Amino acid sequence: MNFEAFLGFNDTTATLYLSGVLDDSALPVFRSLIDQAVQRPLRRLVLRAHGLESITPGGVRCLAFAQQHTAPGVEIIIDGASEAVRDAVRLGGFARAVTFVEQPEALVG
């Protein structure tokens, strides 16, 4: 399945909507969206990953880049991640830096 992504903003929350396979060929698009997100003052970076089938180590590195380029305390939330995506984030050593959620209500506020 092809990778598709788009970025939206609501006040101090940036939300990346992701679907498909985030492989190495999709990294430039993903990195570009991450770059756009971290240019703004954020409180949260939310990845809506319900349709994301997998993510490569390069994608996990992009998340680490995002964390490094935001203010301290910015929360990175991954909503609806499959087990494959969760495993990739864990294997990339980034699981402690993100919050996994399954319910959109957890993102309100």
C-alpha atoms as a PDB file:
ATOM      1  CA  MET A   1       0.000   0.000   0.000  1.00  0.00           C
ATOM      2  CA  ASN A   2       1.281   3.467  -0.890  1.00  0.00           C
ATOM      3  CA  PHE A   3       2.197   5.896   1.834  1.00  0.00           C
ATOM      4  CA  GLU A   4      -0.130   8.851   2.290  1.00  0.00           C
ATOM      5  CA  ALA A   5       0.212  11.660   4.785  1.00  0.00           C
ATOM      6  CA  PHE A   6      -1.076  15.100   5.499  1.00  0.00           C
ATOM      7  CA  LEU A   7      -0.532  17.638   8.227  1.00  0.00           C
ATOM      8  CA  GLY A   8      -3.017  19.798  10.084  1.00  0.00           C
ATOM      9  CA  PHE A   9      -2.748  22.348  12.859  1.00  0.00           C
ATOM     10  CA  ASN A  10      -5.113  23.301  15.649  1.00  0.00           C
ATOM     11  CA  ASP A  11      -3.689  25.960  17.933  1.00  0.00           C
ATOM     12  CA  THR A  12      -0.525  24.404  19.461  1.00  0.00           C
ATOM     13  CA  THR A  13      -1.198  20.874  18.220  1.00  0.00           C
ATOM     14  CA  ALA A  14       0.185  19.551  14.945  1.00  0.00           C
ATOM     15  CA  THR A  15      -1.486  16.377  13.696  1.00  0.00           C
ATOM     16  CA  LEU A  16       0.034  14.098  11.079  1.00  0.00           C
ATOM     17  CA  TYR A  17      -2.421  11.708   9.467  1.00  0.00           C
ATOM     18  CA  LEU A  18      -0.548   8.640   8.202  1.00  0.00           C
ATOM     19  CA  SER A  19      -1.550   5.591   6.188  1.00  0.00           C
ATOM     20  CA  GLY A  20       0.120   2.884   4.162  1.00  0.00           C
ATOM     21  CA  VAL A  21       3.731   1.786   4.413  1.00  0.00           C
ATOM     22  CA  LEU A  22       6.265   4.332   5.616  1.00  0.00           C
ATOM     23  CA  ASP A  23       9.302   2.840   3.897  1.00  0.00           C
ATOM     24  CA  ASP A  24      12.541   4.498   2.793  1.00  0.00           C
ATOM     25  CA  SER A  25      10.965   5.841  -0.408  1.00  0.00           C
ATOM     26  CA  ALA A  26       8.381   7.722   1.692  1.00  0.00           C
ATOM     27  CA  LEU A  27      10.901   9.274   4.100  1.00  0.00           C
ATOM     28  CA  PRO A  28      11.317  12.566   2.175  1.00  0.00           C
ATOM     29  CA  VAL A  29       7.579  13.247   2.409  1.00  0.00           C
ATOM     30  CA  PHE A  30       7.448  12.277   6.087  1.00  0.00           C
ATOM     31  CA  ARG A  31      10.542  14.339   6.919  1.00  0.00           C
ATOM     32  CA  SER A  32       9.112  17.356   5.083  1.00  0.00           C
ATOM     33  CA  LEU A  33       5.909  17.183   7.117  1.00  0.00           C
ATOM     34  CA  ILE A  34       7.871  16.789  10.352  1.00  0.00           C
ATOM     35  CA  ASP A  35       9.994  19.816   9.375  1.00  0.00           C
ATOM     36  CA  GLN A  36       6.845  21.874   8.784  1.00  0.00           C
ATOM     37  CA  ALA A  37       5.356  20.799  12.106  1.00  0.00           C
ATOM     38  CA  VAL A  38       8.370  21.693  14.242  1.00  0.00           C
ATOM     39  CA  GLN A  39       8.609  25.178  12.737  1.00  0.00           C
ATOM     40  CA  ARG A  40       5.617  26.229  14.834  1.00  0.00           C
ATOM     41  CA  PRO A  41       5.374  26.558  18.600  1.00  0.00           C
ATOM     42  CA  LEU A  42       3.841  23.263  19.656  1.00  0.00           C
ATOM     43  CA  ARG A  43       2.492  21.659  22.762  1.00  0.00           C
ATOM     44  CA  ARG A  44       1.714  18.362  21.012  1.00  0.00           C
ATOM     45  CA  LEU A  45       2.692  16.482  17.907  1.00  0.00           C
ATOM     46  CA  VAL A  46       0.059  13.822  17.216  1.00  0.00           C
ATOM     47  CA  LEU A  47       0.512  11.019  14.707  1.00  0.00           C
ATOM     48  CA  ARG A  48      -2.810   9.472  13.703  1.00  0.00           C
ATOM     49  CA  ALA A  49      -1.516   6.054  12.728  1.00  0.00           C
ATOM     50  CA  HIS A  50      -4.694   3.989  12.409  1.00  0.00           C
ATOM     51  CA  GLY A  51      -3.955   3.332   8.731  1.00  0.00           C
ATOM     52  CA  LEU A  52      -0.175   3.072   9.036  1.00  0.00           C
ATOM     53  CA  GLU A  53       0.926  -0.499   8.329  1.00  0.00           C
ATOM     54  CA  SER A  54       4.625  -0.145   9.102  1.00  0.00           C
ATOM     55  CA  ILE A  55       7.440   2.333   9.671  1.00  0.00           C
ATOM     56  CA  THR A  56      11.131   1.926   8.879  1.00  0.00           C
ATOM     57  CA  PRO A  57      13.973   2.821  11.251  1.00  0.00           C
ATOM     58  CA  GLY A  58      14.410   5.994   9.184  1.00  0.00           C
ATOM     59  CA  GLY A  59      10.867   6.999  10.085  1.00  0.00           C
ATOM     60  CA  VAL A  60      11.621   6.482  13.753  1.00  0.00           C
ATOM     61  CA  ARG A  61      14.726   8.667  13.328  1.00  0.00           C
ATOM     62  CA  CYS A  62      12.456  11.391  11.895  1.00  0.00           C
ATOM     63  CA  LEU A  63      10.455  11.234  15.116  1.00  0.00           C
ATOM     64  CA  ALA A  64      13.661  11.618  17.107  1.00  0.00           C
ATOM     65  CA  PHE A  65      14.501  14.647  14.936  1.00  0.00           C
ATOM     66  CA  ALA A  66      11.095  16.108  15.761  1.00  0.00           C
ATOM     67  CA  GLN A  67      11.708  15.689  19.470  1.00  0.00           C
ATOM     68  CA  GLN A  68      15.136  17.313  19.203  1.00  0.00           C
ATOM     69  CA  HIS A  69      13.723  20.332  17.364  1.00  0.00           C
ATOM     70  CA  THR A  70      10.819  21.149  19.643  1.00  0.00           C
ATOM     71  CA  ALA A  71      10.763  22.895  22.987  1.00  0.00           C
ATOM     72  CA  PRO A  72      11.192  20.790  26.110  1.00  0.00           C
ATOM     73  CA  GLY A  73       7.909  19.298  27.225  1.00  0.00           C
ATOM     74  CA  VAL A  74       6.338  18.942  23.782  1.00  0.00           C
ATOM     75  CA  GLU A  75       4.395  15.703  23.820  1.00  0.00           C
ATOM     76  CA  ILE A  76       4.639  13.261  20.901  1.00  0.00           C
ATOM     77  CA  ILE A  77       1.548  11.068  20.736  1.00  0.00           C
ATOM     78  CA  ILE A  78       1.001   8.110  18.428  1.00  0.00           C
ATOM     79  CA  ASP A  79      -2.682   7.296  18.128  1.00  0.00           C
ATOM     80  CA  GLY A  80      -3.880   3.935  16.837  1.00  0.00           C
ATOM     81  CA  ALA A  81      -0.505   2.359  16.086  1.00  0.00           C
ATOM     82  CA  SER A  82      -0.473  -1.229  14.896  1.00  0.00           C
ATOM     83  CA  GLU A  83       1.712  -3.720  16.711  1.00  0.00           C
ATOM     84  CA  ALA A  84       4.227  -3.516  13.829  1.00  0.00           C
ATOM     85  CA  VAL A  85       4.516   0.250  14.257  1.00  0.00           C
ATOM     86  CA  ARG A  86       4.793  -0.044  18.041  1.00  0.00           C
ATOM     87  CA  ASP A  87       7.518  -2.672  17.650  1.00  0.00           C
ATOM     88  CA  ALA A  88       9.480  -0.478  15.225  1.00  0.00           C
ATOM     89  CA  VAL A  89       9.327   2.461  17.635  1.00  0.00           C
ATOM     90  CA  ARG A  90      10.438   0.215  20.510  1.00  0.00           C
ATOM     91  CA  LEU A  91      13.273  -1.310  18.475  1.00  0.00           C
ATOM     92  CA  GLY A  92      14.355   2.189  17.495  1.00  0.00           C
ATOM     93  CA  GLY A  93      14.730   3.022  21.185  1.00  0.00           C
ATOM     94  CA  PHE A  94      12.119   5.769  20.999  1.00  0.00           C
ATOM     95  CA  ALA A  95       9.194   4.225  22.896  1.00  0.00           C
ATOM     96  CA  ARG A  96       9.940   6.151  26.092  1.00  0.00           C
ATOM     97  CA  ALA A  97       9.782   9.444  24.200  1.00  0.00           C
ATOM     98  CA  VAL A  98       6.257   8.930  22.859  1.00  0.00           C
ATOM     99  CA  THR A  99       2.842   8.213  24.270  1.00  0.00           C
ATOM    100  CA  PHE A 100       0.802   5.507  22.566  1.00  0.00           C
ATOM    101  CA  VAL A 101      -2.965   5.977  22.709  1.00  0.00           C
ATOM    102  CA  GLU A 102      -5.878   4.161  21.170  1.00  0.00           C
ATOM    103  CA  GLN A 103      -8.720   6.580  21.723  1.00  0.00           C
ATOM    104  CA  PRO A 104      -9.061  10.076  20.269  1.00  0.00           C
ATOM    105  CA  GLU A 105     -10.740  11.243  23.497  1.00  0.00           C
ATOM    106  CA  ALA A 106      -7.347  10.942  25.180  1.00  0.00           C
ATOM    107  CA  LEU A 107      -6.121  13.796  22.982  1.00  0.00           C
ATOM    108  CA  VAL A 108      -8.697  16.359  24.052  1.00  0.00           C
ATOM    109  CA  GLY A 109      -7.493  19.242  26.174  1.00  0.00           C
END
